[in-house]
Protein backbone atom coordinates (compact mmCIF):
# COMPACT_ATOMS: atom_id res chain seq x y z
CA MET A 1 15.47 11.61 11.96
CA ALA A 2 15.16 7.82 11.89
CA LEU A 3 16.25 4.49 10.43
CA LEU A 4 14.30 1.24 10.56
CA LYS A 5 15.44 -2.08 9.13
CA SER A 6 12.64 -4.63 9.33
CA ILE A 7 11.08 -7.55 7.52
CA SER A 8 9.23 -4.90 5.47
CA GLY A 9 12.49 -3.45 4.10
CA THR A 10 14.86 -0.63 4.98
CA ARG A 11 13.31 2.77 5.62
CA GLY A 12 14.64 6.03 6.99
CA THR A 13 15.33 9.72 6.66
CA ILE A 14 18.08 11.00 4.39
CA GLY A 15 21.23 12.42 5.99
CA GLY A 16 22.85 12.06 9.40
CA ALA A 17 24.78 9.30 11.12
CA VAL A 18 25.24 5.75 9.85
CA GLY A 19 22.91 3.36 11.68
CA GLU A 20 20.66 6.21 12.77
CA ASN A 21 19.50 7.56 9.40
CA LEU A 22 19.26 6.27 5.84
CA THR A 23 22.82 6.71 4.57
CA ALA A 24 24.82 5.34 1.65
CA GLN A 25 26.28 2.61 3.87
CA ASP A 26 22.84 1.46 4.98
CA LEU A 27 21.56 1.42 1.40
CA VAL A 28 24.54 -0.58 0.12
CA GLU A 29 24.39 -3.10 2.98
CA SER A 30 20.66 -3.67 2.54
CA THR A 31 20.84 -3.94 -1.25
CA ALA A 32 23.81 -6.31 -1.12
CA ALA A 33 22.06 -8.55 1.42
CA TYR A 34 18.95 -8.71 -0.76
CA ALA A 35 21.04 -9.51 -3.85
CA TYR A 36 22.93 -12.25 -1.97
CA TRP A 37 19.61 -13.70 -0.80
CA ILE A 38 18.29 -13.69 -4.39
CA LYS A 39 21.38 -15.55 -5.58
CA GLN A 40 21.00 -18.13 -2.81
CA GLU A 41 17.28 -18.56 -3.54
CA THR A 42 17.66 -18.95 -7.30
CA GLY A 43 21.04 -20.66 -7.46
CA LYS A 44 21.82 -18.33 -10.37
CA ASP A 45 25.17 -16.61 -10.82
CA ALA A 46 23.48 -13.71 -12.63
CA PRO A 47 19.85 -13.25 -11.52
CA ALA A 48 17.76 -10.33 -12.78
CA VAL A 49 16.11 -7.70 -10.59
CA VAL A 50 13.64 -4.99 -11.65
CA LEU A 51 14.31 -1.54 -10.16
CA GLY A 52 11.89 1.39 -10.04
CA ARG A 53 11.27 4.50 -7.94
CA ASP A 54 8.81 7.21 -7.08
CA ALA A 55 9.69 10.89 -7.58
CA ARG A 56 11.27 11.64 -4.20
CA VAL A 57 14.07 14.19 -4.20
CA SER A 58 16.57 11.53 -3.10
CA GLY A 59 15.24 8.91 -5.52
CA GLU A 60 17.57 9.38 -8.49
CA LEU A 61 20.69 9.34 -6.32
CA ILE A 62 19.55 6.23 -4.45
CA GLU A 63 18.61 4.58 -7.73
CA GLN A 64 22.20 4.99 -8.96
CA LEU A 65 23.61 3.63 -5.70
CA VAL A 66 21.27 0.64 -5.57
CA SER A 67 21.77 -0.19 -9.25
CA ALA A 68 25.55 -0.09 -8.88
CA THR A 69 25.44 -2.28 -5.77
CA LEU A 70 23.26 -4.88 -7.51
CA ARG A 71 25.67 -4.96 -10.43
CA MET A 72 28.65 -5.37 -8.11
CA MET A 73 26.82 -8.35 -6.64
CA GLY A 74 26.59 -9.88 -10.11
CA VAL A 75 22.90 -9.06 -10.56
CA ASN A 76 21.50 -7.83 -13.87
CA VAL A 77 19.29 -4.76 -13.43
CA TYR A 78 16.16 -3.91 -15.40
CA ASN A 79 15.75 -0.23 -14.53
CA LEU A 80 12.29 1.27 -15.00
CA GLY A 81 13.34 4.66 -13.64
CA LEU A 82 10.35 6.73 -12.50
CA SER A 83 7.54 4.26 -11.94
CA THR A 84 4.96 3.03 -9.45
CA THR A 85 5.04 0.23 -6.91
CA PRO A 86 2.41 -1.86 -8.76
CA THR A 87 4.14 -1.27 -12.10
CA VAL A 88 7.39 -2.69 -10.72
CA GLU A 89 5.46 -5.71 -9.45
CA VAL A 90 3.86 -6.22 -12.86
CA ALA A 91 7.24 -5.82 -14.59
CA VAL A 92 8.82 -8.53 -12.43
CA MET A 93 6.21 -10.97 -13.72
CA GLN A 94 6.33 -9.76 -17.31
CA GLU A 95 10.11 -9.94 -17.47
CA GLU A 96 10.21 -13.24 -15.53
CA ALA A 97 12.75 -11.55 -13.29
CA ASP A 98 14.03 -13.01 -10.02
CA GLY A 99 12.95 -10.08 -7.88
CA GLY A 100 12.44 -6.36 -7.65
CA ILE A 101 13.35 -3.34 -5.56
CA ILE A 102 11.05 -0.34 -5.24
CA LEU A 103 12.54 2.92 -3.99
CA THR A 104 9.73 4.62 -2.11
CA ALA A 105 8.75 5.53 1.42
CA SER A 106 5.10 5.35 0.41
CA HIS A 107 3.06 7.98 2.30
CA ASN A 108 5.97 9.34 4.37
CA PRO A 109 7.19 12.95 3.88
CA LYS A 110 9.85 13.90 1.34
CA GLU A 111 12.84 13.45 3.69
CA TRP A 112 12.07 9.73 3.88
CA ASN A 113 12.98 7.00 1.43
CA ALA A 114 13.07 3.23 1.52
CA LEU A 115 13.94 -0.02 -0.18
CA LYS A 116 10.97 -2.36 -0.64
CA PHE A 117 11.89 -5.89 -1.68
CA VAL A 118 9.83 -8.01 -4.09
CA ASN A 119 10.17 -11.73 -4.90
CA HIS A 120 10.05 -13.47 -8.28
CA ARG A 121 6.23 -13.50 -8.22
CA GLY A 122 6.12 -9.71 -8.06
CA GLU A 123 4.96 -9.84 -4.42
CA PHE A 124 6.50 -8.37 -1.30
CA ILE A 125 8.82 -10.84 0.40
CA SER A 126 7.56 -12.88 3.35
CA ALA A 127 8.45 -12.31 6.99
CA LYS A 128 10.71 -15.38 6.85
CA ASP A 129 12.60 -14.06 3.83
CA GLY A 130 12.77 -10.59 5.35
CA SER A 131 14.29 -12.07 8.52
CA GLU A 132 16.96 -13.83 6.49
CA ILE A 133 17.86 -10.58 4.72
CA LEU A 134 18.13 -8.84 8.10
CA ARG A 135 20.42 -11.63 9.27
CA LEU A 136 22.62 -11.18 6.21
CA ILE A 137 22.82 -7.43 6.83
CA SER A 138 23.98 -7.91 10.40
CA SER A 139 26.26 -10.88 9.76
CA GLY A 140 28.22 -9.30 6.92
CA GLU A 141 28.62 -12.67 5.17
CA VAL A 142 27.75 -11.22 1.77
CA GLU A 143 30.16 -11.90 -1.09
CA TYR A 144 30.49 -9.57 -4.07
CA ALA A 145 31.03 -10.75 -7.65
CA GLN A 146 34.40 -11.03 -9.36
CA VAL A 147 35.22 -8.54 -12.12
CA ASP A 148 34.21 -10.91 -14.93
CA GLN A 149 30.83 -11.59 -13.28
CA LEU A 150 29.64 -8.02 -12.72
CA GLY A 151 26.00 -7.40 -13.58
CA THR A 152 24.57 -5.28 -16.37
CA CYS A 153 21.93 -2.55 -16.39
CA ARG A 154 19.24 -2.21 -19.04
CA LYS A 155 16.76 0.64 -19.19
CA LYS A 156 13.22 -0.61 -19.60
CA VAL A 157 10.97 2.08 -21.07
CA GLY A 158 7.22 2.03 -21.55
CA TYR A 159 6.28 -0.18 -18.62
CA ILE A 160 3.62 2.15 -17.30
CA GLN A 161 1.83 1.89 -20.64
CA LYS A 162 2.24 -1.90 -20.57
CA HIS A 163 0.65 -1.84 -17.12
CA ILE A 164 -2.22 0.29 -18.46
CA ASP A 165 -2.68 -2.07 -21.41
CA LEU A 166 -3.03 -5.05 -19.06
CA ILE A 167 -5.63 -3.17 -17.03
CA MET A 168 -7.62 -2.19 -20.12
CA GLN A 169 -7.72 -5.85 -21.20
CA LEU A 170 -9.39 -7.04 -17.97
CA LYS A 171 -12.92 -8.29 -18.60
CA LEU A 172 -14.41 -6.24 -15.75
CA VAL A 173 -12.80 -2.98 -16.87
CA ARG A 174 -15.64 -1.59 -18.96
CA SER A 175 -13.85 1.09 -20.93
CA GLU A 176 -16.69 1.25 -23.45
CA LEU A 177 -18.98 2.43 -20.63
CA THR A 178 -16.53 4.87 -19.07
CA LYS A 179 -15.84 6.41 -22.48
CA GLU A 180 -19.55 6.95 -22.98
CA LYS A 181 -19.84 8.71 -19.61
CA LYS A 182 -16.89 11.04 -20.28
CA TYR A 183 -16.38 11.58 -16.59
CA LYS A 184 -14.73 14.79 -15.51
CA VAL A 185 -12.20 13.90 -12.81
CA VAL A 186 -9.73 15.87 -10.73
CA ILE A 187 -6.62 14.01 -9.63
CA ASP A 188 -4.08 15.04 -7.01
CA CYS A 189 -0.79 13.55 -8.21
CA ILE A 190 1.12 14.71 -5.08
CA ASN A 191 4.06 15.75 -7.33
CA SER A 192 5.00 12.13 -7.93
CA THR A 193 4.47 9.34 -10.42
CA GLY A 194 0.68 9.45 -10.34
CA ALA A 195 1.13 12.17 -12.97
CA ILE A 196 2.73 9.73 -15.42
CA SER A 197 0.55 6.72 -14.59
CA MET A 198 -2.92 7.67 -13.36
CA VAL A 199 -3.37 10.59 -15.76
CA PRO A 200 -2.77 8.57 -18.96
CA LEU A 201 -4.88 5.69 -17.60
CA LEU A 202 -7.79 8.03 -16.90
CA GLU A 203 -7.46 9.58 -20.34
CA GLN A 204 -7.55 6.15 -21.95
CA LEU A 205 -10.72 5.42 -19.96
CA GLY A 206 -12.26 8.43 -21.69
CA CYS A 207 -12.13 10.85 -18.78
CA GLU A 208 -11.63 14.59 -18.93
CA VAL A 209 -8.71 14.94 -16.54
CA ILE A 210 -7.82 17.97 -14.44
CA ALA A 211 -4.54 17.25 -12.66
CA ILE A 212 -3.25 19.19 -9.66
CA ASN A 213 0.20 18.88 -8.10
CA ASP A 214 1.27 17.15 -11.31
CA GLU A 215 4.88 18.34 -11.57
CA VAL A 216 7.01 15.23 -10.97
CA THR A 217 9.44 16.89 -8.56
CA GLY A 218 9.04 14.82 -5.39
CA ARG A 219 8.49 18.05 -3.45
CA PHE A 220 5.10 17.12 -2.12
CA ALA A 221 2.55 19.94 -2.05
CA HIS A 222 1.11 18.66 1.24
CA ASN A 223 1.34 15.68 3.57
CA PRO A 224 1.43 12.82 1.04
CA GLU A 225 -0.80 10.40 2.93
CA PRO A 226 -4.17 10.42 1.08
CA LEU A 227 -6.33 11.10 4.14
CA PRO A 228 -9.31 13.50 4.13
CA GLU A 229 -7.49 16.09 6.23
CA ASN A 230 -4.78 16.30 3.53
CA LEU A 231 -7.17 16.57 0.57
CA SER A 232 -8.91 19.91 1.14
CA ALA A 233 -7.44 21.38 -2.05
CA LEU A 234 -8.67 18.39 -4.03
CA SER A 235 -12.18 18.72 -2.57
CA ALA A 236 -12.25 22.42 -3.41
CA GLU A 237 -11.12 21.76 -6.98
CA VAL A 238 -13.80 19.08 -7.47
CA LEU A 239 -16.46 21.63 -6.53
CA LYS A 240 -14.88 24.40 -8.59
CA GLN A 241 -14.65 22.23 -11.69
CA LYS A 242 -18.09 20.65 -11.13
CA ALA A 243 -16.28 17.34 -11.52
CA ASP A 244 -17.79 13.88 -11.21
CA LEU A 245 -15.00 12.56 -8.99
CA GLY A 246 -11.83 13.52 -7.16
CA ILE A 247 -8.94 11.06 -7.00
CA ALA A 248 -5.89 11.00 -4.73
CA VAL A 249 -2.98 8.59 -4.67
CA ASP A 250 0.13 8.34 -2.54
CA PRO A 251 3.61 8.93 -4.06
CA ASP A 252 4.07 5.32 -5.23
CA VAL A 253 0.46 4.88 -6.46
CA ASP A 254 -0.60 1.84 -4.47
CA ARG A 255 -3.28 3.61 -2.39
CA LEU A 256 -6.47 5.13 -3.77
CA ALA A 257 -8.71 7.70 -2.07
CA LEU A 258 -11.79 9.27 -3.62
CA ILE A 259 -13.77 12.51 -3.30
CA CYS A 260 -17.43 12.54 -4.30
CA GLU A 261 -18.90 15.11 -6.68
CA ASP A 262 -20.21 17.07 -3.68
CA GLY A 263 -16.68 17.53 -2.33
CA GLU A 264 -17.14 14.99 0.47
CA PRO A 265 -14.70 12.09 0.97
CA PHE A 266 -15.90 8.71 -0.25
CA GLY A 267 -13.85 7.27 2.64
CA GLU A 268 -10.56 5.43 2.11
CA GLU A 269 -12.03 2.37 3.87
CA TYR A 270 -14.80 2.28 1.29
CA THR A 271 -12.60 2.25 -1.82
CA LEU A 272 -12.16 -1.50 -1.31
CA VAL A 273 -15.80 -1.98 -0.27
CA ALA A 274 -17.10 -0.40 -3.49
CA VAL A 275 -14.69 -2.26 -5.77
CA ALA A 276 -15.48 -5.54 -3.98
CA ASP A 277 -19.21 -4.86 -4.44
CA TYR A 278 -18.62 -4.53 -8.17
CA ILE A 279 -16.42 -7.64 -8.47
CA LEU A 280 -18.69 -9.83 -6.34
CA GLY A 281 -21.76 -8.65 -8.20
CA GLN A 282 -20.22 -9.37 -11.59
CA GLU A 283 -18.79 -12.74 -10.56
CA GLY A 284 -21.91 -13.94 -8.71
CA GLY A 285 -20.19 -13.93 -5.33
CA GLY A 286 -16.80 -15.04 -4.09
CA ASN A 287 -14.44 -14.77 -1.15
CA THR A 288 -12.79 -11.61 0.13
CA VAL A 289 -9.94 -10.69 2.49
CA SER A 290 -8.88 -7.53 4.27
CA ASN A 291 -6.69 -6.96 7.28
CA LEU A 292 -7.83 -6.81 10.89
CA SER A 293 -7.74 -3.02 10.94
CA SER A 294 -10.14 -2.60 8.01
CA THR A 295 -13.85 -1.87 8.15
CA GLN A 296 -16.36 -4.60 8.96
CA ALA A 297 -18.45 -3.29 6.05
CA LEU A 298 -16.53 -5.62 3.71
CA ALA A 299 -17.51 -8.68 5.76
CA GLU A 300 -21.17 -7.63 5.66
CA LEU A 301 -21.04 -6.97 1.92
CA THR A 302 -19.35 -10.33 1.20
CA LYS A 303 -22.01 -12.19 3.18
CA LYS A 304 -24.71 -10.32 1.26
CA HIS A 305 -23.20 -11.60 -2.01
CA GLY A 306 -23.06 -15.17 -0.65
CA GLY A 307 -19.29 -15.27 -0.17
CA LYS A 308 -16.96 -15.78 2.78
CA TYR A 309 -14.92 -12.99 4.35
CA THR A 310 -11.60 -13.65 6.13
CA ALA A 311 -9.45 -11.23 8.11
CA SER A 312 -5.66 -11.36 7.88
CA ALA A 313 -2.83 -9.89 9.88
CA VAL A 314 -1.92 -6.33 8.89
CA GLY A 315 0.53 -5.98 6.01
CA GLU A 316 0.15 -6.53 2.29
CA VAL A 317 2.12 -9.76 2.34
CA ASN A 318 -0.26 -11.19 4.95
CA VAL A 319 -3.34 -10.13 3.00
CA VAL A 320 -1.94 -11.75 -0.14
CA GLN A 321 -1.10 -14.99 1.66
CA MET A 322 -4.61 -15.21 3.10
CA MET A 323 -6.17 -14.36 -0.27
CA LYS A 324 -4.36 -17.31 -1.81
CA GLU A 325 -5.37 -19.63 1.04
CA VAL A 326 -9.09 -18.85 0.74
CA GLU A 327 -9.03 -18.23 -3.04
CA ALA A 328 -10.32 -14.69 -2.65
CA ILE A 329 -11.24 -12.90 -5.89
CA ILE A 330 -10.75 -9.43 -4.39
CA GLY A 331 -9.05 -8.13 -1.28
CA GLY A 332 -6.88 -5.40 0.11
CA GLU A 333 -6.50 -2.99 2.97
CA GLY A 334 -8.68 -0.26 4.40
CA ASN A 335 -6.10 2.40 3.55
CA GLY A 336 -7.33 2.44 -0.04
CA GLY A 337 -5.30 -0.57 -1.15
CA ILE A 338 -6.97 -2.73 -3.83
CA ILE A 339 -5.55 -6.19 -4.59
CA TYR A 340 -7.10 -7.79 -7.67
CA PRO A 341 -5.55 -11.20 -8.42
CA ALA A 342 -6.87 -11.21 -12.00
CA LEU A 343 -4.07 -8.69 -12.65
CA HIS A 344 -1.52 -9.32 -9.88
CA TYR A 345 -1.16 -9.80 -6.13
CA GLY A 346 -0.31 -6.29 -5.06
CA ARG A 347 -2.04 -3.07 -3.98
CA ASP A 348 -2.72 -1.13 -7.14
CA ALA A 349 -4.46 2.27 -7.36
CA MET A 350 -4.43 2.05 -11.15
CA VAL A 351 -6.52 -1.10 -11.41
CA GLY A 352 -8.56 0.16 -8.47
CA ILE A 353 -9.72 3.32 -10.26
CA ALA A 354 -10.39 1.44 -13.52
CA LEU A 355 -12.68 -0.97 -11.66
CA PHE A 356 -14.34 1.80 -9.63
CA LEU A 357 -15.14 3.88 -12.71
CA SER A 358 -16.45 0.76 -14.45
CA PHE A 359 -18.76 0.18 -11.48
CA LEU A 360 -19.86 3.80 -11.41
CA ALA A 361 -20.62 3.72 -15.13
CA SER A 362 -22.53 0.43 -14.92
CA THR A 363 -24.76 1.72 -12.09
CA ASP A 364 -25.29 5.14 -13.66
CA LYS A 365 -25.04 6.63 -10.16
CA ARG A 366 -23.14 9.61 -8.87
CA ALA A 367 -20.32 8.83 -6.44
CA SER A 368 -22.18 10.25 -3.43
CA VAL A 369 -25.22 8.09 -4.17
CA LEU A 370 -23.06 4.98 -4.53
CA ARG A 371 -21.42 5.77 -1.18
CA SER A 372 -24.85 6.02 0.48
CA ASP A 373 -25.48 2.37 -0.45
CA TYR A 374 -22.98 1.25 2.21
CA PRO A 375 -23.14 1.37 6.02
CA ASN A 376 -21.59 4.44 7.54
CA TYR A 377 -19.05 2.99 9.95
CA VAL A 378 -16.48 5.32 11.49
CA ILE A 379 -12.88 4.24 12.11
CA ILE A 380 -10.65 6.18 14.46
CA LYS A 381 -6.91 5.78 13.82
CA ASP A 382 -4.67 6.73 16.72
CA LYS A 383 -1.28 5.77 18.08
CA ILE A 384 0.91 5.68 21.17
CA GLN A 385 4.63 6.40 20.95
CA LEU A 386 6.78 3.47 21.99
CA THR A 387 9.71 3.87 24.37
CA PRO A 388 12.40 1.27 25.17
CA GLN A 389 10.75 0.78 28.57
CA ILE A 390 7.46 -0.47 27.10
CA ASP A 391 7.20 -4.25 26.67
CA ILE A 392 4.55 -4.55 23.97
CA ASP A 393 3.90 -8.25 24.60
CA GLN A 394 3.34 -7.70 28.32
CA LEU A 395 1.13 -4.72 27.57
CA LEU A 396 -1.11 -6.67 25.19
CA ALA A 397 -1.28 -9.60 27.61
CA ALA A 398 -2.44 -7.24 30.36
CA LEU A 399 -5.11 -5.76 28.06
CA GLU A 400 -6.25 -9.24 27.04
CA LYS A 401 -6.69 -10.11 30.72
CA LYS A 402 -8.55 -6.84 31.38
CA TYR A 403 -11.01 -7.57 28.57
CA VAL A 404 -11.25 -11.31 29.31
CA ASN A 405 -15.05 -11.40 28.86
CA TYR A 406 -14.99 -10.07 25.28
CA PRO A 407 -14.28 -11.99 22.03
CA LYS A 408 -10.75 -11.39 20.76
CA ASN A 409 -8.43 -12.04 17.83
CA THR A 410 -4.68 -12.28 18.51
CA ILE A 411 -3.20 -13.15 15.10
CA ASP A 412 -1.76 -9.63 14.89
CA GLY A 413 -1.58 -7.72 18.14
CA LEU A 414 -4.91 -7.68 19.92
CA LYS A 415 -8.38 -7.08 18.48
CA ILE A 416 -11.27 -6.82 20.94
CA PHE A 417 -14.91 -7.07 19.84
CA ILE A 418 -17.34 -5.07 21.99
CA ASP A 419 -20.93 -5.58 20.84
CA GLU A 420 -21.03 -4.23 17.25
CA ASN A 421 -17.76 -2.33 17.72
CA TRP A 422 -14.09 -3.26 17.82
CA ILE A 423 -10.66 -2.09 19.01
CA HIS A 424 -7.37 -3.17 17.44
CA LEU A 425 -3.90 -2.57 18.86
CA ARG A 426 -0.67 -3.62 17.16
CA LYS A 427 2.98 -2.66 16.97
CA SER A 428 3.87 -0.88 13.74
CA ASN A 429 6.44 -2.51 11.43
CA THR A 430 7.53 0.86 10.05
CA GLU A 431 7.45 3.28 13.01
CA PRO A 432 8.23 3.05 16.77
CA ILE A 433 4.55 3.26 17.72
CA ILE A 434 1.58 1.19 18.83
CA ARG A 435 -1.24 1.67 16.33
CA ILE A 436 -4.76 1.91 17.74
CA TYR A 437 -7.86 1.47 15.58
CA THR A 438 -11.49 1.52 16.66
CA GLU A 439 -14.68 1.19 14.62
CA SER A 440 -18.33 1.88 15.38
CA ALA A 441 -21.47 3.09 13.62
CA SER A 442 -21.17 6.13 15.93
CA SER A 443 -18.23 8.52 15.66
CA VAL A 444 -18.67 9.37 19.35
CA THR A 445 -18.50 5.71 20.35
CA ALA A 446 -15.47 5.08 18.15
CA GLN A 447 -13.64 8.04 19.70
CA ASN A 448 -14.65 7.02 23.21
CA LEU A 449 -13.30 3.52 22.61
CA ALA A 450 -9.99 4.97 21.40
CA ASN A 451 -9.78 7.24 24.45
CA LYS A 452 -10.67 4.37 26.79
CA ILE A 453 -8.04 1.98 25.41
CA LYS A 454 -5.37 4.71 25.52
CA SER A 455 -6.28 5.34 29.14
CA ASP A 456 -6.03 1.60 29.84
CA VAL A 457 -2.58 1.51 28.19
CA ARG A 458 -1.33 4.46 30.26
CA GLU A 459 -2.64 2.84 33.43
CA ILE A 460 -0.84 -0.43 32.66
CA ILE A 461 2.41 1.32 31.76
CA MET A 462 2.38 3.40 34.95
CA ALA A 463 1.58 0.42 37.18
């Protein structure tokens, strides 16, 4: 069981001791600190905050607790109920609200839940703002509203359809083409809100939809992270149904993974690559951004289209900031996260699949053929458990010294470039681990690099 309060929000497992797990006290303290920060930022006595959640078992109870706390802080709540992370972000903009809270632990198992904080632009809060909220939590200097200034709560229905409508209106979403193709798709809804968002979107794109794990219970049928090893049932169903595509999302619908018609994974790293290929081709080039842990295939593709690629630190907020700085027209993360500024600055599986199907329809290719157009890089994702005795800064400094003769990037942990390959190490913001990523055109080389860097880390720790 665990609890982690960070600049990314408050995340933990339900039940157990206060300060060690995600309990009512932790939820109230975190929500109150966020509400107090919103009031300080806006100068408003009664700001408005959009609230939405995925289908986790604990979600409804936490929704009631968070909503009540916001109201006791004098904040007016626009409650979407069951929703998706990108839909909440869109609603913040549409309602001209002062912020938003999303109740989801993303790809974590059902015992986890979290508060994710959004600013008035419908974007995740910055590290600076997150640090101030953490300070408010620990300082206890939050003041609640007087009885005559308590906030209100309004149910906001229909926002998923509003989100879909905005997607369908995008100039590069070619619904006339997708309707002609009448794609047969299988979608794994992971027993969460993909069933009430992705399914109607796909239907409105003219697809024949076969949904699995589509009961919105929050009792996930398998590990909810949309990785190939967790999608065997989806692959089998694609083959059984002779479908054109398999689609998987995580519980809050901000990550998109695809299965080709032959049952093979398209590759979560290549969701962004394919969508970027479509956008850059249609727009005649442009700039792109992904984080340091994402495939180099995007950089190569961007150069091919005459644009400039830039790497950001890991984390959606960092990708978004860099996208704004370089005026990127498409960006995201290699975990299947698509950020398309023409709609909003947030990872969005819904707009991602609409753009991907539009690309597929415009090329008249099958998914497996489209995938073969891109280089076949292999990324190994590994980790090392952190203990209180490990000084991560000293460890990375020692590794930087060990690999002194190789090009490096230190904007987020340590990335080492070895010939046409790379290694990236960084401390996770959501778990007590060091994340290790390696990439190579050879799976053997990528694995060997991961093994070598783990051996180097153990050697440094034991020294």
